[in-house]
Amino acid sequence: MAAKNKEAAMATSTQGKTEKKYTIEKLQENCRQLFGVSTSTFAGATYGMTGAYTVEEMRTYLETWKKKGVK
């Protein structure tokens, strides 16, 4: 019974936990490992962006950006 309560408490605590946000510059330093894109691709995709983002937010943004065509 105690094990079930501990598992439930762990699940609740990880769901309420917010992911750490990083600056564009810090994400760019590790873009190859995190997103599988080159520094120049990352720079082009995030041109003009400011603020801090989670890794998942940036991954979603980059995937969407890569699907856009060239104008």
Protein backbone atom coordinates (compact mmCIF):
# COMPACT_ATOMS: atom_id res chain seq x y z
CA MET A 1 0.00 0.00 0.00
CA ALA A 2 2.80 2.41 0.84
CA ALA A 3 4.51 1.64 -2.47
CA LYS A 4 1.41 2.64 -4.43
CA ASN A 5 1.17 5.95 -2.54
CA LYS A 6 4.85 6.65 -3.19
CA GLU A 7 4.43 5.92 -6.91
CA ALA A 8 1.39 8.19 -7.07
CA ALA A 9 3.27 10.96 -5.27
CA MET A 10 6.22 10.63 -7.67
CA ALA A 11 3.92 10.79 -10.70
CA THR A 12 2.19 13.88 -9.33
CA SER A 13 5.43 15.66 -8.51
CA THR A 14 6.89 15.08 -11.99
CA GLN A 15 3.70 16.26 -13.70
CA GLY A 16 3.69 19.55 -11.80
CA LYS A 17 7.39 20.14 -12.43
CA THR A 18 8.13 22.79 -15.02
CA GLU A 19 10.85 22.25 -17.57
CA LYS A 20 13.87 24.51 -17.47
CA LYS A 21 13.97 27.26 -20.08
CA TYR A 22 17.16 28.23 -21.89
CA THR A 23 18.17 31.28 -23.90
CA ILE A 24 18.46 31.07 -27.67
CA GLU A 25 22.24 31.38 -27.36
CA LYS A 26 22.51 28.41 -24.97
CA LEU A 27 20.26 26.27 -27.18
CA GLN A 28 22.35 27.22 -30.23
CA GLU A 29 25.54 26.06 -28.50
CA ASN A 30 24.04 22.57 -28.26
CA CYS A 31 21.76 22.53 -31.31
CA ARG A 32 23.48 19.58 -33.02
CA GLN A 33 23.05 17.29 -30.00
CA LEU A 34 19.60 18.54 -29.01
CA PHE A 35 17.88 19.00 -32.37
CA GLY A 36 20.12 17.43 -35.01
CA VAL A 37 20.53 20.68 -36.94
CA SER A 38 23.61 22.72 -37.79
CA THR A 39 24.40 26.01 -36.13
CA SER A 40 23.61 27.91 -39.33
CA THR A 41 20.22 26.20 -39.68
CA PHE A 42 19.40 26.97 -36.06
CA ALA A 43 20.48 30.60 -36.51
CA GLY A 44 18.31 30.97 -39.60
CA ALA A 45 15.29 29.38 -37.97
CA THR A 46 15.52 31.49 -34.83
CA TYR A 47 16.50 34.78 -36.47
CA GLY A 48 14.84 37.62 -34.59
CA MET A 49 13.65 35.42 -31.72
CA THR A 50 14.33 36.46 -28.15
CA GLY A 51 13.49 35.02 -24.78
CA ALA A 52 13.87 31.61 -23.21
CA TYR A 53 12.42 28.30 -24.39
CA THR A 54 12.29 24.71 -23.20
CA VAL A 55 14.00 22.10 -25.33
CA GLU A 56 10.62 20.66 -26.31
CA GLU A 57 9.24 24.07 -27.31
CA MET A 58 12.26 24.70 -29.52
CA ARG A 59 12.14 21.19 -31.00
CA THR A 60 8.49 21.72 -31.96
CA TYR A 61 9.28 25.14 -33.43
CA LEU A 62 12.19 23.78 -35.49
CA GLU A 63 10.14 20.87 -36.83
CA THR A 64 7.43 23.31 -37.92
CA TRP A 65 10.00 25.68 -39.42
CA LYS A 66 11.66 22.88 -41.42
CA LYS A 67 8.30 21.97 -42.99
CA LYS A 68 7.77 25.50 -44.34
CA GLY A 69 8.71 26.05 -47.93
CA VAL A 70 11.01 28.71 -49.27
CA LYS A 71 9.21 31.90 -50.31
